[in-house]
Amino acid sequence: MVPNTKQLFSIAAVVFAFCAPSLEANSQDTMVKSIMKLRSDVEALYSKIDENKENYKAQMKSFTMQRADMEAQINRQETSLKLLKDELNKAQIKMASMKKGNEDITPLLLTSIDKLDQVIVNGIPFKVNERREELKKIKSHLKDKTLSPEKGLSMVWASYDDIIRLTKEIGLFKQAITIQGKEKLSQIAKLGSVALYFATPDNEVGYVVKKDGGYSYKVESDEKKQQQIIALFDALKKQIRTGYFTLPNALILEEGK
């Protein structure tokens, strides 16, 4: 006998009645799993946020320490240059008094030249030989009296101004440097009087470190830091001298401090 429509409807209702609890259970199970996954994702995000916060704090602490080191370097330079300026002011006063007498200021100029020479030797190793040679010539000419004290004072003062300018100057230059006993004509990125980076013709990059009272050129082996130095050179080539740069710490400090 073929079931009629009412019988078919009754059969379908019975089947749905049996299946409905099963469908509802599956739906609830899926929802629970979704909620658990969302909770796990949220916890992972919170964990990532906490990790980023800690990294940010560590980075800011490092930047603060670098800034303090840089300010200390600049203060030392400014103090040294101020003392030199005082010496030259004394020389100018004595020069003025020469009009009333015949006092020779050559000894005072020679002392000022020696102090300028020490500033160059102890400062950032930028074109040291050339700058010292200029002072040596002035000193020699003063001693053999082929240069008048008046002219000598003017030239010493110009050398002082040059040192002041170098403490603030940022730019690219070329300079012979010695790495592992080999001299290489390299590109130099000078950041005032506090940091100096280099790039050699054979694609080595690094920076100057101070050790045992002298200077050496440290080749950077970390790939990330290498890219940071390369980015600095690229920016300076494009005449970009201001902005935010992440760089290896190359402040001219005693290594290990």
C-alpha atoms as a PDB file:
ATOM      1  CA  MET A   1       0.000   0.000   0.000  1.00  0.00           C
ATOM      2  CA  VAL A   2       1.345   3.422  -0.987  1.00  0.00           C
ATOM      3  CA  PRO A   3       1.500   5.894   1.963  1.00  0.00           C
ATOM      4  CA  ASN A   4      -0.684   8.921   1.594  1.00  0.00           C
ATOM      5  CA  THR A   5       0.442  12.510   2.170  1.00  0.00           C
ATOM      6  CA  LYS A   6      -0.512  12.600   5.874  1.00  0.00           C
ATOM      7  CA  GLN A   7       1.464   9.413   6.508  1.00  0.00           C
ATOM      8  CA  LEU A   8       4.538  10.826   4.722  1.00  0.00           C
ATOM      9  CA  PHE A   9       4.303  14.042   6.791  1.00  0.00           C
ATOM     10  CA  SER A  10       4.104  12.003   9.975  1.00  0.00           C
ATOM     11  CA  ILE A  11       7.186   9.955   9.011  1.00  0.00           C
ATOM     12  CA  ALA A  12       9.142  13.173   8.177  1.00  0.00           C
ATOM     13  CA  ALA A  13       8.159  14.716  11.523  1.00  0.00           C
ATOM     14  CA  VAL A  14       9.404  11.641  13.370  1.00  0.00           C
ATOM     15  CA  VAL A  15      12.718  11.684  11.469  1.00  0.00           C
ATOM     16  CA  PHE A  16      13.211  15.441  12.211  1.00  0.00           C
ATOM     17  CA  ALA A  17      12.388  14.822  15.854  1.00  0.00           C
ATOM     18  CA  PHE A  18      15.180  12.257  16.044  1.00  0.00           C
ATOM     19  CA  CYS A  19      17.677  14.343  14.017  1.00  0.00           C
ATOM     20  CA  ALA A  20      17.014  17.762  15.635  1.00  0.00           C
ATOM     21  CA  PRO A  21      18.898  17.031  18.894  1.00  0.00           C
ATOM     22  CA  SER A  22      21.844  15.733  16.892  1.00  0.00           C
ATOM     23  CA  LEU A  23      21.932  18.886  14.685  1.00  0.00           C
ATOM     24  CA  GLU A  24      21.631  21.134  17.732  1.00  0.00           C
ATOM     25  CA  ALA A  25      24.504  19.303  19.450  1.00  0.00           C
ATOM     26  CA  ASN A  26      26.726  19.656  16.381  1.00  0.00           C
ATOM     27  CA  SER A  27      25.924  23.363  16.161  1.00  0.00           C
ATOM     28  CA  GLN A  28      26.771  23.910  19.829  1.00  0.00           C
ATOM     29  CA  ASP A  29      29.981  21.938  19.477  1.00  0.00           C
ATOM     30  CA  THR A  30      31.020  24.044  16.470  1.00  0.00           C
ATOM     31  CA  MET A  31      30.227  27.237  18.373  1.00  0.00           C
ATOM     32  CA  VAL A  32      32.283  26.118  21.384  1.00  0.00           C
ATOM     33  CA  LYS A  33      35.229  25.310  19.148  1.00  0.00           C
ATOM     34  CA  SER A  34      34.932  28.715  17.448  1.00  0.00           C
ATOM     35  CA  ILE A  35      34.828  30.488  20.822  1.00  0.00           C
ATOM     36  CA  MET A  36      37.848  28.521  22.039  1.00  0.00           C
ATOM     37  CA  LYS A  37      39.760  29.396  18.874  1.00  0.00           C
ATOM     38  CA  LEU A  38      38.844  33.082  19.216  1.00  0.00           C
ATOM     39  CA  ARG A  39      39.944  33.048  22.839  1.00  0.00           C
ATOM     40  CA  SER A  40      43.230  31.420  21.853  1.00  0.00           C
ATOM     41  CA  ASP A  41      43.752  34.028  19.112  1.00  0.00           C
ATOM     42  CA  VAL A  42      43.017  36.876  21.547  1.00  0.00           C
ATOM     43  CA  GLU A  43      45.448  35.464  24.106  1.00  0.00           C
ATOM     44  CA  ALA A  44      48.091  35.147  21.401  1.00  0.00           C
ATOM     45  CA  LEU A  45      47.511  38.775  20.392  1.00  0.00           C
ATOM     46  CA  TYR A  46      47.782  39.942  24.006  1.00  0.00           C
ATOM     47  CA  SER A  47      50.988  37.961  24.361  1.00  0.00           C
ATOM     48  CA  LYS A  48      52.354  39.572  21.184  1.00  0.00           C
ATOM     49  CA  ILE A  49      51.362  43.024  22.446  1.00  0.00           C
ATOM     50  CA  ASP A  50      53.155  42.391  25.755  1.00  0.00           C
ATOM     51  CA  GLU A  51      56.223  41.168  23.882  1.00  0.00           C
ATOM     52  CA  ASN A  52      56.216  44.260  21.642  1.00  0.00           C
ATOM     53  CA  LYS A  53      55.859  46.487  24.709  1.00  0.00           C
ATOM     54  CA  GLU A  54      58.905  44.892  26.313  1.00  0.00           C
ATOM     55  CA  ASN A  55      60.901  45.201  23.085  1.00  0.00           C
ATOM     56  CA  TYR A  56      59.857  48.840  22.786  1.00  0.00           C
ATOM     57  CA  LYS A  57      60.874  49.555  26.389  1.00  0.00           C
ATOM     58  CA  ALA A  58      64.255  47.887  25.840  1.00  0.00           C
ATOM     59  CA  GLN A  59      64.784  49.834  22.615  1.00  0.00           C
ATOM     60  CA  MET A  60      63.848  53.138  24.249  1.00  0.00           C
ATOM     61  CA  LYS A  61      66.203  52.389  27.143  1.00  0.00           C
ATOM     62  CA  SER A  62      68.998  51.709  24.665  1.00  0.00           C
ATOM     63  CA  PHE A  63      68.246  54.942  22.779  1.00  0.00           C
ATOM     64  CA  THR A  64      68.209  56.891  26.070  1.00  0.00           C
ATOM     65  CA  MET A  65      71.599  55.475  27.045  1.00  0.00           C
ATOM     66  CA  GLN A  66      73.026  56.256  23.599  1.00  0.00           C
ATOM     67  CA  ARG A  67      71.689  59.779  23.809  1.00  0.00           C
ATOM     68  CA  ALA A  68      73.248  60.258  27.261  1.00  0.00           C
ATOM     69  CA  ASP A  69      76.589  58.936  25.970  1.00  0.00           C
ATOM     70  CA  MET A  70      76.410  61.246  22.976  1.00  0.00           C
ATOM     71  CA  GLU A  71      75.588  64.273  25.123  1.00  0.00           C
ATOM     72  CA  ALA A  72      78.511  63.431  27.420  1.00  0.00           C
ATOM     73  CA  GLN A  73      80.828  63.229  24.401  1.00  0.00           C
ATOM     74  CA  ILE A  74      79.608  66.565  23.083  1.00  0.00           C
ATOM     75  CA  ASN A  75      79.992  68.192  26.517  1.00  0.00           C
ATOM     76  CA  ARG A  76      83.583  66.979  26.762  1.00  0.00           C
ATOM     77  CA  GLN A  77      84.331  68.320  23.304  1.00  0.00           C
ATOM     78  CA  GLU A  78      82.730  71.667  24.104  1.00  0.00           C
ATOM     79  CA  THR A  79      84.672  71.953  27.375  1.00  0.00           C
ATOM     80  CA  SER A  80      87.951  71.200  25.614  1.00  0.00           C
ATOM     81  CA  LEU A  81      87.218  73.707  22.877  1.00  0.00           C
ATOM     82  CA  LYS A  82      86.170  76.341  25.392  1.00  0.00           C
ATOM     83  CA  LEU A  83      89.549  76.030  27.105  1.00  0.00           C
ATOM     84  CA  LEU A  84      91.233  76.453  23.744  1.00  0.00           C
ATOM     85  CA  LYS A  85      89.140  79.493  23.002  1.00  0.00           C
ATOM     86  CA  ASP A  86      90.212  81.021  26.323  1.00  0.00           C
ATOM     87  CA  GLU A  87      93.840  80.468  25.360  1.00  0.00           C
ATOM     88  CA  LEU A  88      93.327  82.162  22.018  1.00  0.00           C
ATOM     89  CA  ASN A  89      91.501  85.046  23.650  1.00  0.00           C
ATOM     90  CA  LYS A  90      94.536  85.546  25.838  1.00  0.00           C
ATOM     91  CA  ALA A  91      96.655  85.584  22.723  1.00  0.00           C
ATOM     92  CA  GLN A  92      94.423  88.243  21.184  1.00  0.00           C
ATOM     93  CA  ILE A  93      94.695  90.390  24.315  1.00  0.00           C
ATOM     94  CA  LYS A  94      98.453  90.049  24.226  1.00  0.00           C
ATOM     95  CA  MET A  95      98.431  90.891  20.541  1.00  0.00           C
ATOM     96  CA  ALA A  96      96.596  94.118  21.319  1.00  0.00           C
ATOM     97  CA  SER A  97      99.159  94.946  23.998  1.00  0.00           C
ATOM     98  CA  MET A  98     101.943  94.543  21.445  1.00  0.00           C
ATOM     99  CA  LYS A  99     100.940  97.856  19.977  1.00  0.00           C
ATOM    100  CA  LYS A 100     102.129  99.424  23.243  1.00  0.00           C
ATOM    101  CA  GLY A 101     105.231  97.269  23.605  1.00  0.00           C
ATOM    102  CA  ASN A 102     107.256  94.595  21.880  1.00  0.00           C
ATOM    103  CA  GLU A 103     106.175  91.478  23.802  1.00  0.00           C
ATOM    104  CA  ASP A 104     106.364  88.329  21.678  1.00  0.00           C
ATOM    105  CA  ILE A 105     103.247  86.089  21.781  1.00  0.00           C
ATOM    106  CA  THR A 106     104.920  83.300  19.830  1.00  0.00           C
ATOM    107  CA  PRO A 107     105.353  81.058  22.941  1.00  0.00           C
ATOM    108  CA  LEU A 108     101.649  81.429  23.717  1.00  0.00           C
ATOM    109  CA  LEU A 109     100.744  80.522  20.134  1.00  0.00           C
ATOM    110  CA  LEU A 110     103.005  77.467  20.233  1.00  0.00           C
ATOM    111  CA  THR A 111     101.260  76.305  23.414  1.00  0.00           C
ATOM    112  CA  SER A 112      97.859  76.818  21.791  1.00  0.00           C
ATOM    113  CA  ILE A 113      98.980  74.804  18.755  1.00  0.00           C
ATOM    114  CA  ASP A 114     100.105  71.920  21.002  1.00  0.00           C
ATOM    115  CA  LYS A 115      96.727  71.891  22.732  1.00  0.00           C
ATOM    116  CA  LEU A 116      94.885  71.971  19.412  1.00  0.00           C
ATOM    117  CA  ASP A 117      97.036  69.066  18.265  1.00  0.00           C
ATOM    118  CA  GLN A 118      96.011  67.033  21.316  1.00  0.00           C
ATOM    119  CA  VAL A 119      92.339  67.720  20.610  1.00  0.00           C
ATOM    120  CA  ILE A 120      92.807  66.343  17.098  1.00  0.00           C
ATOM    121  CA  VAL A 121      94.723  63.276  18.342  1.00  0.00           C
ATOM    122  CA  ASN A 122      92.161  62.460  21.054  1.00  0.00           C
ATOM    123  CA  GLY A 123      89.097  63.293  18.966  1.00  0.00           C
ATOM    124  CA  ILE A 124      87.322  61.358  16.242  1.00  0.00           C
ATOM    125  CA  PRO A 125      89.889  59.885  13.798  1.00  0.00           C
ATOM    126  CA  PHE A 126      88.895  62.024  10.832  1.00  0.00           C
ATOM    127  CA  LYS A 127      91.706  63.145   8.482  1.00  0.00           C
ATOM    128  CA  VAL A 128      93.994  63.285  11.514  1.00  0.00           C
ATOM    129  CA  ASN A 129      97.299  63.330   9.607  1.00  0.00           C
ATOM    130  CA  GLU A 130      96.230  66.149   7.279  1.00  0.00           C
ATOM    131  CA  ARG A 131      94.919  68.327  10.113  1.00  0.00           C
ATOM    132  CA  ARG A 132      97.988  67.765  12.288  1.00  0.00           C
ATOM    133  CA  GLU A 133     100.278  68.510   9.364  1.00  0.00           C
ATOM    134  CA  GLU A 134      98.680  71.940   8.932  1.00  0.00           C
ATOM    135  CA  LEU A 135      99.341  72.762  12.581  1.00  0.00           C
ATOM    136  CA  LYS A 136     102.889  71.453  12.270  1.00  0.00           C
ATOM    137  CA  LYS A 137     103.550  73.848   9.378  1.00  0.00           C
ATOM    138  CA  ILE A 138     102.229  76.840  11.337  1.00  0.00           C
ATOM    139  CA  LYS A 139     104.376  75.876  14.325  1.00  0.00           C
ATOM    140  CA  SER A 140     107.470  75.445  12.170  1.00  0.00           C
ATOM    141  CA  HIS A 141     106.998  78.817  10.458  1.00  0.00           C
ATOM    142  CA  LEU A 142     106.492  80.559  13.786  1.00  0.00           C
ATOM    143  CA  LYS A 143     109.676  79.035  15.168  1.00  0.00           C
ATOM    144  CA  ASP A 144     111.838  80.029  12.214  1.00  0.00           C
ATOM    145  CA  LYS A 145     110.089  83.445  12.115  1.00  0.00           C
ATOM    146  CA  THR A 146     108.949  83.092   8.501  1.00  0.00           C
ATOM    147  CA  LEU A 147     105.449  83.693   9.840  1.00  0.00           C
ATOM    148  CA  SER A 148     104.569  86.762  11.880  1.00  0.00           C
ATOM    149  CA  PRO A 149     102.811  86.275  15.254  1.00  0.00           C
ATOM    150  CA  GLU A 150      99.859  88.283  13.919  1.00  0.00           C
ATOM    151  CA  LYS A 151      99.440  85.999  10.936  1.00  0.00           C
ATOM    152  CA  GLY A 152     100.082  82.942  13.086  1.00  0.00           C
ATOM    153  CA  LEU A 153      97.312  83.944  15.495  1.00  0.00           C
ATOM    154  CA  SER A 154      94.896  84.289  12.577  1.00  0.00           C
ATOM    155  CA  MET A 155      95.790  80.824  11.272  1.00  0.00           C
ATOM    156  CA  VAL A 156      95.541  79.183  14.705  1.00  0.00           C
ATOM    157  CA  TRP A 157      92.158  80.800  15.180  1.00  0.00           C
ATOM    158  CA  ALA A 158      91.040  79.409  11.816  1.00  0.00           C
ATOM    159  CA  SER A 159      92.155  75.932  12.961  1.00  0.00           C
ATOM    160  CA  TYR A 160      90.063  76.344  16.095  1.00  0.00           C
ATOM    161  CA  ASP A 161      87.038  77.300  13.969  1.00  0.00           C
ATOM    162  CA  ASP A 162      87.660  74.229  11.828  1.00  0.00           C
ATOM    163  CA  ILE A 163      87.489  71.951  14.880  1.00  0.00           C
ATOM    164  CA  ILE A 164      84.240  73.607  15.961  1.00  0.00           C
ATOM    165  CA  ARG A 165      82.787  73.044  12.491  1.00  0.00           C
ATOM    166  CA  LEU A 166      83.804  69.363  12.477  1.00  0.00           C
ATOM    167  CA  THR A 167      82.009  68.709  15.783  1.00  0.00           C
ATOM    168  CA  LYS A 168      78.709  69.570  14.079  1.00  0.00           C
ATOM    169  CA  GLU A 169      79.332  68.412  10.516  1.00  0.00           C
ATOM    170  CA  ILE A 170      77.521  65.370   9.115  1.00  0.00           C
ATOM    171  CA  GLY A 171      78.478  64.028   5.699  1.00  0.00           C
ATOM    172  CA  LEU A 172      80.314  61.577   3.449  1.00  0.00           C
ATOM    173  CA  PHE A 173      84.068  61.701   2.879  1.00  0.00           C
ATOM    174  CA  LYS A 174      86.912  59.516   1.632  1.00  0.00           C
ATOM    175  CA  GLN A 175      89.744  58.503   3.886  1.00  0.00           C
ATOM    176  CA  ALA A 176      92.459  55.860   4.101  1.00  0.00           C
ATOM    177  CA  ILE A 177      91.768  53.495   7.004  1.00  0.00           C
ATOM    178  CA  THR A 178      93.632  50.448   8.304  1.00  0.00           C
ATOM    179  CA  ILE A 179      91.738  47.177   8.780  1.00  0.00           C
ATOM    180  CA  GLN A 180      93.637  44.105   9.963  1.00  0.00           C
ATOM    181  CA  GLY A 181      96.919  45.665   8.905  1.00  0.00           C
ATOM    182  CA  LYS A 182      95.711  46.606   5.428  1.00  0.00           C
ATOM    183  CA  GLU A 183      95.199  50.228   4.363  1.00  0.00           C
ATOM    184  CA  LYS A 184      92.074  50.858   2.306  1.00  0.00           C
ATOM    185  CA  LEU A 185      90.760  54.075   0.778  1.00  0.00           C
ATOM    186  CA  SER A 186      87.204  53.931   2.065  1.00  0.00           C
ATOM    187  CA  GLN A 187      84.045  55.969   2.240  1.00  0.00           C
ATOM    188  CA  ILE A 188      83.432  57.568   5.614  1.00  0.00           C
ATOM    189  CA  ALA A 189      80.127  58.647   7.149  1.00  0.00           C
ATOM    190  CA  LYS A 190      80.938  61.156   9.895  1.00  0.00           C
ATOM    191  CA  LEU A 191      78.254  62.090  12.416  1.00  0.00           C
ATOM    192  CA  GLY A 192      79.645  65.183  14.084  1.00  0.00           C
ATOM    193  CA  SER A 193      82.407  64.292  16.527  1.00  0.00           C
ATOM    194  CA  VAL A 194      80.681  61.304  18.138  1.00  0.00           C
ATOM    195  CA  ALA A 195      80.487  58.524  15.542  1.00  0.00           C
ATOM    196  CA  LEU A 196      82.192  57.449  12.344  1.00  0.00           C
ATOM    197  CA  TYR A 197      81.095  54.619  10.010  1.00  0.00           C
ATOM    198  CA  PHE A 198      82.981  53.239   7.020  1.00  0.00           C
ATOM    199  CA  ALA A 199      82.383  51.286   3.818  1.00  0.00           C
ATOM    200  CA  THR A 200      85.378  49.748   2.042  1.00  0.00           C
ATOM    201  CA  PRO A 201      85.756  49.121  -1.711  1.00  0.00           C
ATOM    202  CA  ASP A 202      85.409  45.365  -1.047  1.00  0.00           C
ATOM    203  CA  ASN A 203      81.976  45.883   0.586  1.00  0.00           C
ATOM    204  CA  GLU A 204      82.987  45.671   4.226  1.00  0.00           C
ATOM    205  CA  VAL A 205      81.113  48.034   6.545  1.00  0.00           C
ATOM    206  CA  GLY A 206      81.626  48.946  10.181  1.00  0.00           C
ATOM    207  CA  TYR A 207      82.550  51.722  12.547  1.00  0.00           C
ATOM    208  CA  VAL A 208      85.312  53.208  14.681  1.00  0.00           C
ATOM    209  CA  VAL A 209      85.866  52.039  18.261  1.00  0.00           C
ATOM    210  CA  LYS A 210      88.204  53.459  20.884  1.00  0.00           C
ATOM    211  CA  LYS A 211      90.431  51.026  22.733  1.00  0.00           C
ATOM    212  CA  ASP A 212      93.550  51.366  24.874  1.00  0.00           C
ATOM    213  CA  GLY A 213      93.815  55.073  24.132  1.00  0.00           C
ATOM    214  CA  GLY A 214      93.754  54.519  20.358  1.00  0.00           C
ATOM    215  CA  TYR A 215      91.259  53.871  17.587  1.00  0.00           C
ATOM    216  CA  SER A 216      90.481  50.855  15.440  1.00  0.00           C
ATOM    217  CA  TYR A 217      88.019  50.076  12.661  1.00  0.00           C
ATOM    218  CA  LYS A 218      85.566  47.327  13.566  1.00  0.00           C
ATOM    219  CA  VAL A 219      84.030  45.364  10.684  1.00  0.00           C
ATOM    220  CA  GLU A 220      80.349  44.588  11.348  1.00  0.00           C
ATOM    221  CA  SER A 221      79.446  40.932  10.764  1.00  0.00           C
ATOM    222  CA  ASP A 222      75.754  41.035  11.744  1.00  0.00           C
ATOM    223  CA  GLU A 223      73.685  41.192   8.544  1.00  0.00           C
ATOM    224  CA  LYS A 224      70.929  43.338  10.067  1.00  0.00           C
ATOM    225  CA  LYS A 225      73.426  45.905  11.343  1.00  0.00           C
ATOM    226  CA  GLN A 226      75.223  45.852   8.002  1.00  0.00           C
ATOM    227  CA  GLN A 227      71.974  46.852   6.279  1.00  0.00           C
ATOM    228  CA  GLN A 228      71.483  49.658   8.808  1.00  0.00           C
ATOM    229  CA  ILE A 229      74.922  51.102   8.000  1.00  0.00           C
ATOM    230  CA  ILE A 230      74.315  50.751   4.252  1.00  0.00           C
ATOM    231  CA  ALA A 231      70.990  52.588   4.667  1.00  0.00           C
ATOM    232  CA  LEU A 232      72.851  55.468   6.371  1.00  0.00           C
ATOM    233  CA  PHE A 233      75.289  55.762   3.468  1.00  0.00           C
ATOM    234  CA  ASP A 234      72.423  55.690   0.965  1.00  0.00           C
ATOM    235  CA  ALA A 235      70.613  58.470   2.856  1.00  0.00           C
ATOM    236  CA  LEU A 236      73.716  60.679   3.014  1.00  0.00           C
ATOM    237  CA  LYS A 237      74.325  60.145  -0.713  1.00  0.00           C
ATOM    238  CA  LYS A 238      70.810  61.517  -1.262  1.00  0.00           C
ATOM    239  CA  GLN A 239      71.661  64.538   0.951  1.00  0.00           C
ATOM    240  CA  ILE A 240      69.325  63.282   3.697  1.00  0.00           C
ATOM    241  CA  ARG A 241      70.994  64.429   6.914  1.00  0.00           C
ATOM    242  CA  THR A 242      68.008  64.534   9.256  1.00  0.00           C
ATOM    243  CA  GLY A 243      65.467  61.910  10.223  1.00  0.00           C
ATOM    244  CA  TYR A 244      65.202  58.686  12.191  1.00  0.00           C
ATOM    245  CA  PHE A 245      67.954  56.106  11.711  1.00  0.00           C
ATOM    246  CA  THR A 246      68.502  52.827  13.512  1.00  0.00           C
ATOM    247  CA  LEU A 247      72.251  52.205  13.695  1.00  0.00           C
ATOM    248  CA  PRO A 248      74.737  50.012  15.560  1.00  0.00           C
ATOM    249  CA  ASN A 249      76.062  51.843  18.614  1.00  0.00           C
ATOM    250  CA  ALA A 250      79.246  53.470  17.274  1.00  0.00           C
ATOM    251  CA  LEU A 251      79.734  56.235  19.825  1.00  0.00           C
ATOM    252  CA  ILE A 252      83.414  56.956  20.276  1.00  0.00           C
ATOM    253  CA  LEU A 253      83.759  55.318  23.706  1.00  0.00           C
ATOM    254  CA  GLU A 254      86.193  52.868  25.225  1.00  0.00           C
ATOM    255  CA  GLU A 255      85.227  49.412  23.941  1.00  0.00           C
ATOM    256  CA  GLY A 256      83.464  47.359  26.583  1.00  0.00           C
ATOM    257  CA  LYS A 257      81.992  50.385  28.379  1.00  0.00           C
END
